C-alpha atoms as a PDB file:
ATOM      1  CA  MET A   1       0.037   0.047   0.011  1.00  0.00           C
ATOM      2  CA  ALA A   2       1.407   3.377  -1.040  1.00  0.00           C
ATOM      3  CA  ILE A   3       1.918   6.165   1.413  1.00  0.00           C
ATOM      4  CA  THR A   4       0.469   9.547   0.516  1.00  0.00           C
ATOM      5  CA  LYS A   5       2.773  12.531   0.079  1.00  0.00           C
ATOM      6  CA  ALA A   6       1.273  14.217   3.136  1.00  0.00           C
ATOM      7  CA  LYS A   7       1.938  11.156   5.282  1.00  0.00           C
ATOM      8  CA  LYS A   8       5.511  10.997   3.920  1.00  0.00           C
ATOM      9  CA  GLU A   9       6.078  14.647   4.923  1.00  0.00           C
ATOM     10  CA  SER A  10       4.632  13.899   8.335  1.00  0.00           C
ATOM     11  CA  ILE A  11       7.007  10.988   8.794  1.00  0.00           C
ATOM     12  CA  VAL A  12       9.999  13.007   7.732  1.00  0.00           C
ATOM     13  CA  THR A  13       9.215  15.911  10.112  1.00  0.00           C
ATOM     14  CA  ASN A  14       8.637  13.541  12.995  1.00  0.00           C
ATOM     15  CA  LEU A  15      11.879  11.690  12.359  1.00  0.00           C
ATOM     16  CA  SER A  16      13.744  15.037  12.051  1.00  0.00           C
ATOM     17  CA  LYS A  17      12.425  16.274  15.414  1.00  0.00           C
ATOM     18  CA  ALA A  18      13.221  13.046  17.123  1.00  0.00           C
ATOM     19  CA  LEU A  19      16.770  12.854  15.691  1.00  0.00           C
ATOM     20  CA  LYS A  20      17.614  16.435  16.682  1.00  0.00           C
ATOM     21  CA  GLY A  21      17.116  15.574  20.387  1.00  0.00           C
ATOM     22  CA  ALA A  22      18.798  12.138  20.179  1.00  0.00           C
ATOM     23  CA  LYS A  23      22.307  11.700  21.402  1.00  0.00           C
ATOM     24  CA  SER A  24      22.777   8.398  19.609  1.00  0.00           C
ATOM     25  CA  LEU A  25      20.974   6.539  16.869  1.00  0.00           C
ATOM     26  CA  VAL A  26      21.118   2.838  15.931  1.00  0.00           C
ATOM     27  CA  PHE A  27      20.053   1.366  12.531  1.00  0.00           C
ATOM     28  CA  VAL A  28      18.411  -1.978  13.131  1.00  0.00           C
ATOM     29  CA  ASN A  29      17.654  -4.777  10.617  1.00  0.00           C
ATOM     30  CA  PHE A  30      14.829  -6.796  11.952  1.00  0.00           C
ATOM     31  CA  HIS A  31      14.343  -9.286   9.135  1.00  0.00           C
ATOM     32  CA  GLY A  32      12.293 -12.353  10.073  1.00  0.00           C
ATOM     33  CA  LEU A  33      11.275 -10.932  13.517  1.00  0.00           C
ATOM     34  CA  LYS A  34       7.971 -12.141  14.752  1.00  0.00           C
ATOM     35  CA  VAL A  35       5.323  -9.623  15.894  1.00  0.00           C
ATOM     36  CA  SER A  36       5.478 -10.893  19.505  1.00  0.00           C
ATOM     37  CA  ASP A  37       9.239 -10.520  19.501  1.00  0.00           C
ATOM     38  CA  ALA A  38       9.041  -7.066  18.021  1.00  0.00           C
ATOM     39  CA  THR A  39       6.527  -6.103  20.740  1.00  0.00           C
ATOM     40  CA  SER A  40       8.958  -7.489  23.357  1.00  0.00           C
ATOM     41  CA  LEU A  41      11.827  -5.434  21.855  1.00  0.00           C
ATOM     42  CA  ARG A  42       9.744  -2.289  21.893  1.00  0.00           C
ATOM     43  CA  ARG A  43       8.844  -2.895  25.641  1.00  0.00           C
ATOM     44  CA  ILE A  44      12.450  -3.479  26.560  1.00  0.00           C
ATOM     45  CA  LEU A  45      13.591  -0.347  24.724  1.00  0.00           C
ATOM     46  CA  LYS A  46      10.799   1.801  26.175  1.00  0.00           C
ATOM     47  CA  LYS A  47      11.733   0.714  29.712  1.00  0.00           C
ATOM     48  CA  GLU A  48      15.290   2.002  29.019  1.00  0.00           C
ATOM     49  CA  GLY A  49      14.020   5.320  27.550  1.00  0.00           C
ATOM     50  CA  VAL A  50      14.868   4.418  24.006  1.00  0.00           C
ATOM     51  CA  SER A  51      12.509   5.211  21.144  1.00  0.00           C
ATOM     52  CA  TYR A  52      12.015   2.719  18.302  1.00  0.00           C
ATOM     53  CA  GLN A  53      10.496   3.248  14.943  1.00  0.00           C
ATOM     54  CA  VAL A  54      10.233   1.279  11.763  1.00  0.00           C
ATOM     55  CA  SER A  55      10.949   3.474   8.762  1.00  0.00           C
ATOM     56  CA  LYS A  56      11.265   3.430   4.987  1.00  0.00           C
ATOM     57  CA  LYS A  57      14.853   3.573   3.788  1.00  0.00           C
ATOM     58  CA  THR A  58      14.195   6.456   1.325  1.00  0.00           C
ATOM     59  CA  LEU A  59      12.589   8.619   3.931  1.00  0.00           C
ATOM     60  CA  THR A  60      15.280   7.791   6.521  1.00  0.00           C
ATOM     61  CA  LYS A  61      18.021   8.653   4.040  1.00  0.00           C
ATOM     62  CA  ARG A  62      16.256  12.013   3.297  1.00  0.00           C
ATOM     63  CA  VAL A  63      16.229  12.803   7.006  1.00  0.00           C
ATOM     64  CA  LEU A  64      19.862  11.743   7.483  1.00  0.00           C
ATOM     65  CA  ASP A  65      21.060  13.761   4.549  1.00  0.00           C
ATOM     66  CA  ALA A  66      19.436  16.857   5.998  1.00  0.00           C
ATOM     67  CA  GLU A  67      21.089  16.292   9.385  1.00  0.00           C
ATOM     68  CA  LYS A  68      24.642  16.512   7.901  1.00  0.00           C
ATOM     69  CA  PHE A  69      26.341  13.939  10.086  1.00  0.00           C
ATOM     70  CA  THR A  70      30.122  13.418   9.506  1.00  0.00           C
ATOM     71  CA  GLY A  71      31.630  10.215   8.079  1.00  0.00           C
ATOM     72  CA  ALA A  72      30.344   7.694   5.640  1.00  0.00           C
ATOM     73  CA  GLN A  73      26.751   6.510   5.991  1.00  0.00           C
ATOM     74  CA  PRO A  74      26.506   2.720   6.537  1.00  0.00           C
ATOM     75  CA  GLU A  75      24.625   0.613   3.991  1.00  0.00           C
ATOM     76  CA  LEU A  76      21.061   0.137   5.117  1.00  0.00           C
ATOM     77  CA  THR A  77      20.009  -3.299   3.887  1.00  0.00           C
ATOM     78  CA  GLY A  78      16.892  -5.224   4.603  1.00  0.00           C
ATOM     79  CA  GLU A  79      14.004  -4.069   6.824  1.00  0.00           C
ATOM     80  CA  LEU A  80      15.038  -0.915   8.636  1.00  0.00           C
ATOM     81  CA  ALA A  81      14.165   0.397  12.085  1.00  0.00           C
ATOM     82  CA  LEU A  82      15.669   3.205  14.118  1.00  0.00           C
ATOM     83  CA  ALA A  83      16.440   3.151  17.850  1.00  0.00           C
ATOM     84  CA  TRP A  84      17.465   6.446  19.554  1.00  0.00           C
ATOM     85  CA  GLY A  85      17.581   7.937  22.982  1.00  0.00           C
ATOM     86  CA  GLU A  86      18.982  10.427  25.355  1.00  0.00           C
ATOM     87  CA  ASP A  87      21.542   7.992  26.716  1.00  0.00           C
ATOM     88  CA  LEU A  88      24.560   7.658  24.533  1.00  0.00           C
ATOM     89  CA  VAL A  89      25.000   3.886  24.931  1.00  0.00           C
ATOM     90  CA  ALA A  90      21.455   2.589  25.818  1.00  0.00           C
ATOM     91  CA  PRO A  91      20.031   2.242  22.295  1.00  0.00           C
ATOM     92  CA  ALA A  92      23.021   0.218  20.989  1.00  0.00           C
ATOM     93  CA  ARG A  93      23.344  -1.848  24.225  1.00  0.00           C
ATOM     94  CA  GLU A  94      19.657  -2.826  24.294  1.00  0.00           C
ATOM     95  CA  VAL A  95      19.376  -3.721  20.629  1.00  0.00           C
ATOM     96  CA  TYR A  96      22.611  -5.734  20.808  1.00  0.00           C
ATOM     97  CA  ASN A  97      21.469  -7.585  23.916  1.00  0.00           C
ATOM     98  CA  PHE A  98      18.165  -8.427  22.195  1.00  0.00           C
ATOM     99  CA  GLY A  99      19.906  -9.390  19.073  1.00  0.00           C
ATOM    100  CA  LYS A 100      22.008 -12.004  21.025  1.00  0.00           C
ATOM    101  CA  LYS A 101      18.724 -13.701  22.072  1.00  0.00           C
ATOM    102  CA  LEU A 102      17.100 -13.636  18.594  1.00  0.00           C
ATOM    103  CA  GLU A 103      18.730 -14.133  15.195  1.00  0.00           C
ATOM    104  CA  GLY A 104      16.424 -11.629  13.407  1.00  0.00           C
ATOM    105  CA  VAL A 105      17.770  -8.459  15.026  1.00  0.00           C
ATOM    106  CA  LYS A 106      21.063  -7.057  13.821  1.00  0.00           C
ATOM    107  CA  ILE A 107      22.767  -3.612  14.198  1.00  0.00           C
ATOM    108  CA  LEU A 108      23.589  -2.158  10.755  1.00  0.00           C
ATOM    109  CA  GLY A 109      25.384   0.918  12.035  1.00  0.00           C
ATOM    110  CA  GLY A 110      24.375   4.134  13.663  1.00  0.00           C
ATOM    111  CA  VAL A 111      25.165   7.726  14.602  1.00  0.00           C
ATOM    112  CA  PHE A 112      27.161   8.465  17.761  1.00  0.00           C
ATOM    113  CA  GLU A 113      28.089  11.971  18.818  1.00  0.00           C
ATOM    114  CA  GLY A 114      27.273  13.384  15.251  1.00  0.00           C
ATOM    115  CA  ARG A 115      29.325  10.746  13.318  1.00  0.00           C
ATOM    116  CA  TYR A 116      28.239   7.754  11.249  1.00  0.00           C
ATOM    117  CA  MET A 117      29.466   4.484  12.680  1.00  0.00           C
ATOM    118  CA  ASP A 118      29.503   1.106  10.962  1.00  0.00           C
ATOM    119  CA  ALA A 119      28.116  -2.092  12.561  1.00  0.00           C
ATOM    120  CA  SER A 120      31.375  -3.171  14.266  1.00  0.00           C
ATOM    121  CA  GLU A 121      31.901   0.307  15.832  1.00  0.00           C
ATOM    122  CA  MET A 122      28.249   0.389  17.147  1.00  0.00           C
ATOM    123  CA  ILE A 123      28.674  -3.184  18.547  1.00  0.00           C
ATOM    124  CA  GLY A 124      31.765  -1.988  20.302  1.00  0.00           C
ATOM    125  CA  ILE A 125      29.803   0.911  21.790  1.00  0.00           C
ATOM    126  CA  ALA A 126      26.995  -1.561  22.770  1.00  0.00           C
ATOM    127  CA  THR A 127      29.420  -3.705  24.852  1.00  0.00           C
ATOM    128  CA  ILE A 128      30.319  -0.752  27.057  1.00  0.00           C
ATOM    129  CA  PRO A 129      28.891  -1.485  30.450  1.00  0.00           C
ATOM    130  CA  ALA A 130      26.226   0.728  32.033  1.00  0.00           C
ATOM    131  CA  VAL A 131      27.380   3.759  34.149  1.00  0.00           C
ATOM    132  CA  PRO A 132      26.749   2.124  37.557  1.00  0.00           C
ATOM    133  CA  VAL A 133      28.878  -0.850  36.515  1.00  0.00           C
ATOM    134  CA  LEU A 134      31.658   1.458  35.254  1.00  0.00           C
ATOM    135  CA  ARG A 135      31.578   3.283  38.566  1.00  0.00           C
ATOM    136  CA  GLY A 136      31.883   0.103  40.473  1.00  0.00           C
ATOM    137  CA  MET A 137      34.784  -0.971  38.312  1.00  0.00           C
ATOM    138  CA  PHE A 138      36.507   2.335  38.933  1.00  0.00           C
ATOM    139  CA  VAL A 139      36.016   2.100  42.709  1.00  0.00           C
ATOM    140  CA  ASN A 140      37.467  -1.446  42.566  1.00  0.00           C
ATOM    141  CA  ILE A 141      40.532  -0.255  40.687  1.00  0.00           C
ATOM    142  CA  VAL A 142      41.108   2.615  43.149  1.00  0.00           C
ATOM    143  CA  ASN A 143      40.528   0.352  46.158  1.00  0.00           C
ATOM    144  CA  SER A 144      42.756  -2.469  44.968  1.00  0.00           C
ATOM    145  CA  PRO A 145      46.218  -0.854  45.754  1.00  0.00           C
ATOM    146  CA  ILE A 146      44.890   0.315  49.178  1.00  0.00           C
ATOM    147  CA  GLN A 147      43.562  -3.136  49.967  1.00  0.00           C
ATOM    148  CA  ARG A 148      46.888  -4.791  48.930  1.00  0.00           C
ATOM    149  CA  PHE A 149      48.838  -2.342  51.056  1.00  0.00           C
ATOM    150  CA  ALA A 150      46.632  -3.135  54.050  1.00  0.00           C
ATOM    151  CA  ILE A 151      47.211  -6.882  53.518  1.00  0.00           C
ATOM    152  CA  ALA A 152      50.953  -6.365  53.261  1.00  0.00           C
ATOM    153  CA  LEU A 153      50.970  -4.449  56.537  1.00  0.00           C
ATOM    154  CA  SER A 154      48.922  -7.095  58.212  1.00  0.00           C
ATOM    155  CA  GLU A 155      51.406  -9.736  57.058  1.00  0.00           C
ATOM    156  CA  ILE A 156      54.312  -7.710  58.305  1.00  0.00           C
ATOM    157  CA  ALA A 157      52.528  -7.264  61.679  1.00  0.00           C
ATOM    158  CA  LYS A 158      52.026 -11.029  61.930  1.00  0.00           C
ATOM    159  CA  SER A 159      55.682 -11.734  61.175  1.00  0.00           C
ATOM    160  CA  LYS A 160      56.871  -9.297  63.901  1.00  0.00           C
ATOM    161  CA  ASN A 161      54.726 -11.012  66.521  1.00  0.00           C
END
């Protein structure tokens, strides 16, 4: 079924508004995804504050060309959906985690901090742990030398007794 010109203009303006406020954008191929799985993906993304929309490639390219991102735009093959959000890493991380469970969801690339990224770069971004986990790792790194020093002092005190 063909989309009217007015509907296309509406889709383009809505995508433009959404992408202007987004900090990162992920291009998703969802070939062969069941409706129930797509609904599950939408729920997971919504819980993380990530928007998800299926879009026509020609309309998406029109919006992306207007945005003037740097770098080379990745090839958008198959069925295309866009995931974007305020968090830099959340869209890529959640799509990647869902894609590990199901074969039909793949990251095609994305936009990160105003630059196009290919699939491998976006997967690299997706594997960055969440901020609370990173903070815990940092505290562990800072605490480790102090903890080792305390153990060494304890062993010296034991040997002196």
